[in-house]
Amino acid sequence: MTTKPPLRRSVVVNNPNGLHMRPATRFAQQARVIPQRVTVFHGEKRADGKSSLDLLMLIAMPGAELWVEVDGDETTDAAEAIRALCDILAAPGDDA
């Protein structure tokens, strides 16, 4: 049995306040709905996407490039999940 690599997408934080509590909480809540593991990377730092506190520890300021990784591939629900998660991080304000 071969294991497929996780699905990865790059996203830029567009919120003028960076990745703060509201978008981090919204992201973690969305991530907890999906069964796949979700990891977010900021440079060398990594966070469990299902933990808002882990996400806050990334210290992602406006304009920061993050990588979102979801176990699965383009043919699974992971593709839709990663799109929804990246939309939260790319939202220009707290109304995502």
PDB file of N, CA and C in Angstrom:
ATOM      1  N   MET A   1       0.832  -1.172   0.000  1.00  0.00           N
ATOM      2  CA  MET A   1       0.000   0.000   0.000  1.00  0.00           C
ATOM      3  C   MET A   1       0.888   1.250   0.000  1.00  0.00           C
ATOM      4  N   THR A   2       0.637   2.149  -0.938  1.00  0.00           N
ATOM      5  CA  THR A   2       1.419   3.371  -0.998  1.00  0.00           C
ATOM      6  C   THR A   2       0.667   4.508  -0.311  1.00  0.00           C
ATOM      7  N   THR A   3       1.418   5.340   0.353  1.00  0.00           N
ATOM      8  CA  THR A   3       0.813   6.481   1.030  1.00  0.00           C
ATOM      9  C   THR A   3       0.993   7.707   0.148  1.00  0.00           C
ATOM     10  N   LYS A   4      -0.077   8.452  -0.012  1.00  0.00           N
ATOM     11  CA  LYS A   4       0.001   9.659  -0.822  1.00  0.00           C
ATOM     12  C   LYS A   4       0.507  10.804   0.039  1.00  0.00           C
ATOM     13  N   PRO A   5       1.287  11.704  -0.571  1.00  0.00           N
ATOM     14  CA  PRO A   5       1.772  12.852   0.206  1.00  0.00           C
ATOM     15  C   PRO A   5       0.614  13.778   0.558  1.00  0.00           C
ATOM     16  N   PRO A   6       0.769  14.554   1.622  1.00  0.00           N
ATOM     17  CA  PRO A   6      -0.297  15.487   2.008  1.00  0.00           C
ATOM     18  C   PRO A   6      -0.462  16.578   0.951  1.00  0.00           C
ATOM     19  N   LEU A   7      -1.630  17.142   0.937  1.00  0.00           N
ATOM     20  CA  LEU A   7      -1.948  18.249   0.040  1.00  0.00           C
ATOM     21  C   LEU A   7      -1.451  19.529   0.706  1.00  0.00           C
ATOM     22  N   ARG A   8      -0.697  20.355  -0.017  1.00  0.00           N
ATOM     23  CA  ARG A   8      -0.132  21.594   0.542  1.00  0.00           C
ATOM     24  C   ARG A   8      -0.528  22.784  -0.311  1.00  0.00           C
ATOM     25  N   ARG A   9      -0.818  23.882   0.351  1.00  0.00           N
ATOM     26  CA  ARG A   9      -1.140  25.130  -0.331  1.00  0.00           C
ATOM     27  C   ARG A   9      -0.476  26.289   0.411  1.00  0.00           C
ATOM     28  N   SER A  10      -0.015  27.256  -0.358  1.00  0.00           N
ATOM     29  CA  SER A  10       0.552  28.477   0.192  1.00  0.00           C
ATOM     30  C   SER A  10      -0.553  29.516   0.281  1.00  0.00           C
ATOM     31  N   VAL A  11      -0.525  30.321   1.323  1.00  0.00           N
ATOM     32  CA  VAL A  11      -1.522  31.387   1.497  1.00  0.00           C
ATOM     33  C   VAL A  11      -0.849  32.563   2.207  1.00  0.00           C
ATOM     34  N   VAL A  12      -1.241  33.767   1.807  1.00  0.00           N
ATOM     35  CA  VAL A  12      -0.709  34.981   2.430  1.00  0.00           C
ATOM     36  C   VAL A  12      -1.757  35.535   3.390  1.00  0.00           C
ATOM     37  N   VAL A  13      -1.310  35.882   4.590  1.00  0.00           N
ATOM     38  CA  VAL A  13      -2.202  36.471   5.597  1.00  0.00           C
ATOM     39  C   VAL A  13      -2.518  37.901   5.163  1.00  0.00           C
ATOM     40  N   ASN A  14      -3.783  38.172   4.872  1.00  0.00           N
ATOM     41  CA  ASN A  14      -4.199  39.496   4.405  1.00  0.00           C
ATOM     42  C   ASN A  14      -4.846  40.349   5.481  1.00  0.00           C
ATOM     43  N   ASN A  15      -5.122  39.777   6.634  1.00  0.00           N
ATOM     44  CA  ASN A  15      -5.743  40.538   7.708  1.00  0.00           C
ATOM     45  C   ASN A  15      -4.753  41.584   8.206  1.00  0.00           C
ATOM     46  N   PRO A  16      -5.167  42.860   8.305  1.00  0.00           N
ATOM     47  CA  PRO A  16      -4.237  43.894   8.763  1.00  0.00           C
ATOM     48  C   PRO A  16      -3.737  43.684  10.197  1.00  0.00           C
ATOM     49  N   ASN A  17      -4.387  42.816  10.953  1.00  0.00           N
ATOM     50  CA  ASN A  17      -3.942  42.487  12.307  1.00  0.00           C
ATOM     51  C   ASN A  17      -3.157  41.180  12.354  1.00  0.00           C
ATOM     52  N   GLY A  18      -2.899  40.589  11.212  1.00  0.00           N
ATOM     53  CA  GLY A  18      -2.191  39.313  11.162  1.00  0.00           C
ATOM     54  C   GLY A  18      -3.093  38.175  11.604  1.00  0.00           C
ATOM     55  N   LEU A  19      -2.481  37.051  11.901  1.00  0.00           N
ATOM     56  CA  LEU A  19      -3.241  35.886  12.366  1.00  0.00           C
ATOM     57  C   LEU A  19      -3.439  36.036  13.873  1.00  0.00           C
ATOM     58  N   HIS A  20      -4.549  36.648  14.246  1.00  0.00           N
ATOM     59  CA  HIS A  20      -4.838  36.881  15.664  1.00  0.00           C
ATOM     60  C   HIS A  20      -5.951  35.924  16.112  1.00  0.00           C
ATOM     61  N   MET A  21      -6.491  36.151  17.300  1.00  0.00           N
ATOM     62  CA  MET A  21      -7.386  35.176  17.932  1.00  0.00           C
ATOM     63  C   MET A  21      -8.611  34.813  17.093  1.00  0.00           C
ATOM     64  N   ARG A  22      -9.298  35.791  16.528  1.00  0.00           N
ATOM     65  CA  ARG A  22     -10.534  35.457  15.797  1.00  0.00           C
ATOM     66  C   ARG A  22     -10.290  34.560  14.594  1.00  0.00           C
ATOM     67  N   PRO A  23      -9.395  34.943  13.668  1.00  0.00           N
ATOM     68  CA  PRO A  23      -9.179  34.036  12.533  1.00  0.00           C
ATOM     69  C   PRO A  23      -8.525  32.710  12.946  1.00  0.00           C
ATOM     70  N   ALA A  24      -7.686  32.731  13.971  1.00  0.00           N
ATOM     71  CA  ALA A  24      -7.068  31.483  14.437  1.00  0.00           C
ATOM     72  C   ALA A  24      -8.135  30.541  14.994  1.00  0.00           C
ATOM     73  N   THR A  25      -9.081  31.090  15.743  1.00  0.00           N
ATOM     74  CA  THR A  25     -10.169  30.277  16.298  1.00  0.00           C
ATOM     75  C   THR A  25     -11.067  29.752  15.190  1.00  0.00           C
ATOM     76  N   ARG A  26     -11.396  30.621  14.239  1.00  0.00           N
ATOM     77  CA  ARG A  26     -12.243  30.208  13.116  1.00  0.00           C
ATOM     78  C   ARG A  26     -11.559  29.086  12.318  1.00  0.00           C
ATOM     79  N   PHE A  27     -10.257  29.239  12.077  1.00  0.00           N
ATOM     80  CA  PHE A  27      -9.488  28.228  11.352  1.00  0.00           C
ATOM     81  C   PHE A  27      -9.509  26.903  12.110  1.00  0.00           C
ATOM     82  N   ALA A  28      -9.194  26.948  13.405  1.00  0.00           N
ATOM     83  CA  ALA A  28      -9.142  25.724  14.217  1.00  0.00           C
ATOM     84  C   ALA A  28     -10.502  25.036  14.277  1.00  0.00           C
ATOM     85  N   GLN A  29     -11.572  25.814  14.403  1.00  0.00           N
ATOM     86  CA  GLN A  29     -12.913  25.216  14.428  1.00  0.00           C
ATOM     87  C   GLN A  29     -13.211  24.501  13.113  1.00  0.00           C
ATOM     88  N   GLN A  30     -12.863  25.137  12.000  1.00  0.00           N
ATOM     89  CA  GLN A  30     -13.078  24.516  10.683  1.00  0.00           C
ATOM     90  C   GLN A  30     -12.207  23.267  10.537  1.00  0.00           C
ATOM     91  N   ALA A  31     -10.973  23.349  10.995  1.00  0.00           N
ATOM     92  CA  ALA A  31     -10.047  22.217  10.877  1.00  0.00           C
ATOM     93  C   ALA A  31     -10.522  21.018  11.703  1.00  0.00           C
ATOM     94  N   ARG A  32     -11.130  21.282  12.851  1.00  0.00           N
ATOM     95  CA  ARG A  32     -11.593  20.176  13.704  1.00  0.00           C
ATOM     96  C   ARG A  32     -12.776  19.421  13.105  1.00  0.00           C
ATOM     97  N   VAL A  33     -13.456  20.023  12.147  1.00  0.00           N
ATOM     98  CA  VAL A  33     -14.595  19.365  11.499  1.00  0.00           C
ATOM     99  C   VAL A  33     -14.131  18.257  10.553  1.00  0.00           C
ATOM    100  N   ILE A  34     -12.951  18.413   9.996  1.00  0.00           N
ATOM    101  CA  ILE A  34     -12.472  17.421   9.027  1.00  0.00           C
ATOM    102  C   ILE A  34     -11.656  16.345   9.734  1.00  0.00           C
ATOM    103  N   PRO A  35     -11.715  15.119   9.238  1.00  0.00           N
ATOM    104  CA  PRO A  35     -11.008  14.027   9.915  1.00  0.00           C
ATOM    105  C   PRO A  35      -9.497  14.016   9.674  1.00  0.00           C
ATOM    106  N   GLN A  36      -9.040  14.653   8.619  1.00  0.00           N
ATOM    107  CA  GLN A  36      -7.619  14.630   8.288  1.00  0.00           C
ATOM    108  C   GLN A  36      -6.808  15.508   9.229  1.00  0.00           C
ATOM    109  N   ARG A  37      -5.534  15.181   9.344  1.00  0.00           N
ATOM    110  CA  ARG A  37      -4.611  16.011  10.124  1.00  0.00           C
ATOM    111  C   ARG A  37      -4.357  17.302   9.346  1.00  0.00           C
ATOM    112  N   VAL A  38      -4.312  18.430  10.049  1.00  0.00           N
ATOM    113  CA  VAL A  38      -4.063  19.736   9.444  1.00  0.00           C
ATOM    114  C   VAL A  38      -2.848  20.346  10.143  1.00  0.00           C
ATOM    115  N   THR A  39      -1.872  20.765   9.355  1.00  0.00           N
ATOM    116  CA  THR A  39      -0.670  21.394   9.891  1.00  0.00           C
ATOM    117  C   THR A  39      -0.459  22.706   9.152  1.00  0.00           C
ATOM    118  N   VAL A  40      -0.050  23.741   9.886  1.00  0.00           N
ATOM    119  CA  VAL A  40       0.235  25.034   9.283  1.00  0.00           C
ATOM    120  C   VAL A  40       1.698  25.364   9.569  1.00  0.00           C
ATOM    121  N   PHE A  41       2.403  25.819   8.535  1.00  0.00           N
ATOM    122  CA  PHE A  41       3.823  26.143   8.643  1.00  0.00           C
ATOM    123  C   PHE A  41       4.032  27.625   8.392  1.00  0.00           C
ATOM    124  N   HIS A  42       4.917  28.224   9.178  1.00  0.00           N
ATOM    125  CA  HIS A  42       5.367  29.600   8.964  1.00  0.00           C
ATOM    126  C   HIS A  42       6.869  29.561   9.114  1.00  0.00           C
ATOM    127  N   GLY A  43       7.558  29.538   7.991  1.00  0.00           N
ATOM    128  CA  GLY A  43       9.008  29.351   8.029  1.00  0.00           C
ATOM    129  C   GLY A  43       9.327  27.991   8.630  1.00  0.00           C
ATOM    130  N   GLU A  44      10.153  27.991   9.656  1.00  0.00           N
ATOM    131  CA  GLU A  44      10.534  26.748  10.329  1.00  0.00           C
ATOM    132  C   GLU A  44       9.539  26.318  11.404  1.00  0.00           C
ATOM    133  N   LYS A  45       8.593  27.196  11.732  1.00  0.00           N
ATOM    134  CA  LYS A  45       7.612  26.875  12.775  1.00  0.00           C
ATOM    135  C   LYS A  45       6.471  26.067  12.182  1.00  0.00           C
ATOM    136  N   ARG A  46       5.907  25.201  13.002  1.00  0.00           N
ATOM    137  CA  ARG A  46       4.741  24.428  12.584  1.00  0.00           C
ATOM    138  C   ARG A  46       3.720  24.435  13.697  1.00  0.00           C
ATOM    139  N   ALA A  47       2.440  24.343  13.296  1.00  0.00           N
ATOM    140  CA  ALA A  47       1.358  24.357  14.274  1.00  0.00           C
ATOM    141  C   ALA A  47       0.317  23.323  13.901  1.00  0.00           C
ATOM    142  N   ASP A  48      -0.285  22.746  14.927  1.00  0.00           N
ATOM    143  CA  ASP A  48      -1.439  21.879  14.735  1.00  0.00           C
ATOM    144  C   ASP A  48      -2.595  22.788  14.339  1.00  0.00           C
ATOM    145  N   GLY A  49      -3.128  22.603  13.146  1.00  0.00           N
ATOM    146  CA  GLY A  49      -4.192  23.461  12.646  1.00  0.00           C
ATOM    147  C   GLY A  49      -5.487  23.358  13.425  1.00  0.00           C
ATOM    148  N   LYS A  50      -5.606  22.372  14.284  1.00  0.00           N
ATOM    149  CA  LYS A  50      -6.823  22.206  15.071  1.00  0.00           C
ATOM    150  C   LYS A  50      -6.724  22.888  16.438  1.00  0.00           C
ATOM    151  N   SER A  51      -5.603  23.584  16.671  1.00  0.00           N
ATOM    152  CA  SER A  51      -5.370  24.275  17.938  1.00  0.00           C
ATOM    153  C   SER A  51      -5.168  25.769  17.688  1.00  0.00           C
ATOM    154  N   SER A  52      -6.106  26.583  18.141  1.00  0.00           N
ATOM    155  CA  SER A  52      -5.969  28.026  17.934  1.00  0.00           C
ATOM    156  C   SER A  52      -4.736  28.576  18.651  1.00  0.00           C
ATOM    157  N   LEU A  53      -4.382  28.015  19.794  1.00  0.00           N
ATOM    158  CA  LEU A  53      -3.190  28.483  20.511  1.00  0.00           C
ATOM    159  C   LEU A  53      -1.916  28.161  19.735  1.00  0.00           C
ATOM    160  N   ASP A  54      -1.861  26.973  19.148  1.00  0.00           N
ATOM    161  CA  ASP A  54      -0.716  26.623  18.300  1.00  0.00           C
ATOM    162  C   ASP A  54      -0.606  27.607  17.136  1.00  0.00           C
ATOM    163  N   LEU A  55      -1.739  27.938  16.529  1.00  0.00           N
ATOM    164  CA  LEU A  55      -1.737  28.858  15.393  1.00  0.00           C
ATOM    165  C   LEU A  55      -1.237  30.241  15.805  1.00  0.00           C
ATOM    166  N   LEU A  56      -1.666  30.715  16.963  1.00  0.00           N
ATOM    167  CA  LEU A  56      -1.206  32.016  17.443  1.00  0.00           C
ATOM    168  C   LEU A  56       0.302  32.037  17.660  1.00  0.00           C
ATOM    169  N   MET A  57       0.869  30.919  18.055  1.00  0.00           N
ATOM    170  CA  MET A  57       2.308  30.841  18.317  1.00  0.00           C
ATOM    171  C   MET A  57       3.141  30.953  17.039  1.00  0.00           C
ATOM    172  N   LEU A  58       2.501  30.884  15.874  1.00  0.00           N
ATOM    173  CA  LEU A  58       3.223  31.075  14.616  1.00  0.00           C
ATOM    174  C   LEU A  58       3.647  32.534  14.436  1.00  0.00           C
ATOM    175  N   ILE A  59       2.953  33.434  15.139  1.00  0.00           N
ATOM    176  CA  ILE A  59       3.213  34.873  15.058  1.00  0.00           C
ATOM    177  C   ILE A  59       3.269  35.303  13.589  1.00  0.00           C
ATOM    178  N   ALA A  60       2.160  35.107  12.905  1.00  0.00           N
ATOM    179  CA  ALA A  60       2.056  35.445  11.482  1.00  0.00           C
ATOM    180  C   ALA A  60       1.478  36.848  11.330  1.00  0.00           C
ATOM    181  N   MET A  61       2.321  37.765  10.926  1.00  0.00           N
ATOM    182  CA  MET A  61       1.938  39.165  10.737  1.00  0.00           C
ATOM    183  C   MET A  61       1.305  39.339   9.351  1.00  0.00           C
ATOM    184  N   PRO A  62       0.694  40.511   9.095  1.00  0.00           N
ATOM    185  CA  PRO A  62       0.120  40.755   7.771  1.00  0.00           C
ATOM    186  C   PRO A  62       1.181  40.570   6.686  1.00  0.00           C
ATOM    187  N   GLY A  63       0.802  39.888   5.624  1.00  0.00           N
ATOM    188  CA  GLY A  63       1.719  39.630   4.522  1.00  0.00           C
ATOM    189  C   GLY A  63       2.548  38.369   4.679  1.00  0.00           C
ATOM    190  N   ALA A  64       2.440  37.704   5.824  1.00  0.00           N
ATOM    191  CA  ALA A  64       3.210  36.474   6.044  1.00  0.00           C
ATOM    192  C   ALA A  64       2.700  35.360   5.130  1.00  0.00           C
ATOM    193  N   GLU A  65       3.631  34.582   4.611  1.00  0.00           N
ATOM    194  CA  GLU A  65       3.259  33.422   3.803  1.00  0.00           C
ATOM    195  C   GLU A  65       3.212  32.195   4.710  1.00  0.00           C
ATOM    196  N   LEU A  66       2.075  31.539   4.706  1.00  0.00           N
ATOM    197  CA  LEU A  66       1.900  30.305   5.474  1.00  0.00           C
ATOM    198  C   LEU A  66       1.673  29.167   4.500  1.00  0.00           C
ATOM    199  N   TRP A  67       1.995  27.982   4.931  1.00  0.00           N
ATOM    200  CA  TRP A  67       1.701  26.772   4.175  1.00  0.00           C
ATOM    201  C   TRP A  67       0.718  25.942   4.986  1.00  0.00           C
ATOM    202  N   VAL A  68      -0.369  25.562   4.354  1.00  0.00           N
ATOM    203  CA  VAL A  68      -1.382  24.725   4.994  1.00  0.00           C
ATOM    204  C   VAL A  68      -1.251  23.339   4.390  1.00  0.00           C
ATOM    205  N   GLU A  69      -1.181  22.341   5.254  1.00  0.00           N
ATOM    206  CA  GLU A  69      -1.016  20.957   4.812  1.00  0.00           C
ATOM    207  C   GLU A  69      -2.147  20.118   5.384  1.00  0.00           C
ATOM    208  N   VAL A  70      -2.827  19.380   4.507  1.00  0.00           N
ATOM    209  CA  VAL A  70      -3.926  18.504   4.909  1.00  0.00           C
ATOM    210  C   VAL A  70      -3.627  17.114   4.367  1.00  0.00           C
ATOM    211  N   ASP A  71      -3.720  16.115   5.226  1.00  0.00           N
ATOM    212  CA  ASP A  71      -3.524  14.743   4.760  1.00  0.00           C
ATOM    213  C   ASP A  71      -4.595  14.418   3.728  1.00  0.00           C
ATOM    214  N   GLY A  72      -4.195  13.770   2.653  1.00  0.00           N
ATOM    215  CA  GLY A  72      -5.130  13.431   1.587  1.00  0.00           C
ATOM    216  C   GLY A  72      -4.594  13.945   0.267  1.00  0.00           C
ATOM    217  N   ASP A  73      -5.425  13.922  -0.755  1.00  0.00           N
ATOM    218  CA  ASP A  73      -4.985  14.399  -2.057  1.00  0.00           C
ATOM    219  C   ASP A  73      -6.119  15.119  -2.766  1.00  0.00           C
ATOM    220  N   GLU A  74      -5.877  15.540  -4.002  1.00  0.00           N
ATOM    221  CA  GLU A  74      -6.852  16.317  -4.766  1.00  0.00           C
ATOM    222  C   GLU A  74      -8.154  15.565  -5.013  1.00  0.00           C
ATOM    223  N   THR A  75      -8.130  14.244  -4.941  1.00  0.00           N
ATOM    224  CA  THR A  75      -9.330  13.467  -5.240  1.00  0.00           C
ATOM    225  C   THR A  75     -10.191  13.208  -4.009  1.00  0.00           C
ATOM    226  N   THR A  76      -9.765  13.685  -2.857  1.00  0.00           N
ATOM    227  CA  THR A  76     -10.519  13.454  -1.623  1.00  0.00           C
ATOM    228  C   THR A  76     -11.144  14.747  -1.128  1.00  0.00           C
ATOM    229  N   ASP A  77     -11.802  14.675  -0.007  1.00  0.00           N
ATOM    230  CA  ASP A  77     -12.370  15.864   0.622  1.00  0.00           C
ATOM    231  C   ASP A  77     -11.282  16.833   1.088  1.00  0.00           C
ATOM    232  N   ALA A  78     -10.042  16.384   1.095  1.00  0.00           N
ATOM    233  CA  ALA A  78      -8.941  17.239   1.533  1.00  0.00           C
ATOM    234  C   ALA A  78      -8.812  18.470   0.641  1.00  0.00           C
ATOM    235  N   ALA A  79      -9.096  18.331  -0.635  1.00  0.00           N
ATOM    236  CA  ALA A  79      -8.990  19.468  -1.555  1.00  0.00           C
ATOM    237  C   ALA A  79      -9.986  20.562  -1.179  1.00  0.00           C
ATOM    238  N   GLU A  80     -11.209  20.190  -0.877  1.00  0.00           N
ATOM    239  CA  GLU A  80     -12.212  21.180  -0.469  1.00  0.00           C
ATOM    240  C   GLU A  80     -11.863  21.753   0.906  1.00  0.00           C
ATOM    241  N   ALA A  81     -11.378  20.910   1.797  1.00  0.00           N
ATOM    242  CA  ALA A  81     -11.015  21.362   3.144  1.00  0.00           C
ATOM    243  C   ALA A  81      -9.889  22.386   3.086  1.00  0.00           C
ATOM    244  N   ILE A  82      -8.879  22.125   2.289  1.00  0.00           N
ATOM    245  CA  ILE A  82      -7.743  23.050   2.239  1.00  0.00           C
ATOM    246  C   ILE A  82      -8.144  24.378   1.609  1.00  0.00           C
ATOM    247  N   ARG A  83      -9.054  24.346   0.664  1.00  0.00           N
ATOM    248  CA  ARG A  83      -9.553  25.600   0.069  1.00  0.00           C
ATOM    249  C   ARG A  83     -10.265  26.444   1.127  1.00  0.00           C
ATOM    250  N   ALA A  84     -11.140  25.816   1.901  1.00  0.00           N
ATOM    251  CA  ALA A  84     -11.889  26.540   2.937  1.00  0.00           C
ATOM    252  C   ALA A  84     -10.947  27.099   4.001  1.00  0.00           C
ATOM    253  N   LEU A  85      -9.956  26.322   4.397  1.00  0.00           N
ATOM    254  CA  LEU A  85      -9.010  26.774   5.416  1.00  0.00           C
ATOM    255  C   LEU A  85      -8.156  27.936   4.912  1.00  0.00           C
ATOM    256  N   CYS A  86      -7.699  27.847   3.673  1.00  0.00           N
ATOM    257  CA  CYS A  86      -6.892  28.930   3.110  1.00  0.00           C
ATOM    258  C   CYS A  86      -7.714  30.203   2.945  1.00  0.00           C
ATOM    259  N   ASP A  87      -9.000  30.059   2.644  1.00  0.00           N
ATOM    260  CA  ASP A  87      -9.869  31.238   2.538  1.00  0.00           C
ATOM    261  C   ASP A  87      -9.932  31.993   3.859  1.00  0.00           C
ATOM    262  N   ILE A  88      -9.939  31.272   4.967  1.00  0.00           N
ATOM    263  CA  ILE A  88      -9.972  31.923   6.285  1.00  0.00           C
ATOM    264  C   ILE A  88      -8.700  32.736   6.498  1.00  0.00           C
ATOM    265  N   LEU A  89      -7.546  32.149   6.167  1.00  0.00           N
ATOM    266  CA  LEU A  89      -6.280  32.849   6.380  1.00  0.00           C
ATOM    267  C   LEU A  89      -6.084  34.019   5.426  1.00  0.00           C
ATOM    268  N   ALA A  90      -6.655  33.923   4.230  1.00  0.00           N
ATOM    269  CA  ALA A  90      -6.474  34.967   3.220  1.00  0.00           C
ATOM    270  C   ALA A  90      -7.497  36.094   3.343  1.00  0.00           C
ATOM    271  N   ALA A  91      -8.497  35.927   4.193  1.00  0.00           N
ATOM    272  CA  ALA A  91      -9.549  36.949   4.328  1.00  0.00           C
ATOM    273  C   ALA A  91      -8.930  38.276   4.772  1.00  0.00           C
ATOM    274  N   PRO A  92      -9.393  39.385   4.183  1.00  0.00           N
ATOM    275  CA  PRO A  92      -8.816  40.686   4.520  1.00  0.00           C
ATOM    276  C   PRO A  92      -9.236  41.245   5.877  1.00  0.00           C
ATOM    277  N   GLY A  93     -10.210  40.627   6.529  1.00  0.00           N
ATOM    278  CA  GLY A  93     -10.661  41.114   7.836  1.00  0.00           C
ATOM    279  C   GLY A  93     -11.291  39.990   8.618  1.00  0.00           C
ATOM    280  N   ASP A  94     -11.980  40.300   9.678  1.00  0.00           N
ATOM    281  CA  ASP A  94     -12.580  39.299  10.546  1.00  0.00           C
ATOM    282  C   ASP A  94     -13.946  38.818  10.066  1.00  0.00           C
ATOM    283  N   ASP A  95     -14.353  39.227   8.895  1.00  0.00           N
ATOM    284  CA  ASP A  95     -15.674  38.849   8.397  1.00  0.00           C
ATOM    285  C   ASP A  95     -15.628  37.621   7.513  1.00  0.00           C
ATOM    286  N   ALA A  96     -14.547  36.839   7.566  1.00  0.00           N
ATOM    287  CA  ALA A  96     -14.399  35.659   6.705  1.00  0.00           C
ATOM    288  C   ALA A  96     -15.457  34.624   6.994  1.00  0.00           C
TER     289      ALA A  96
END
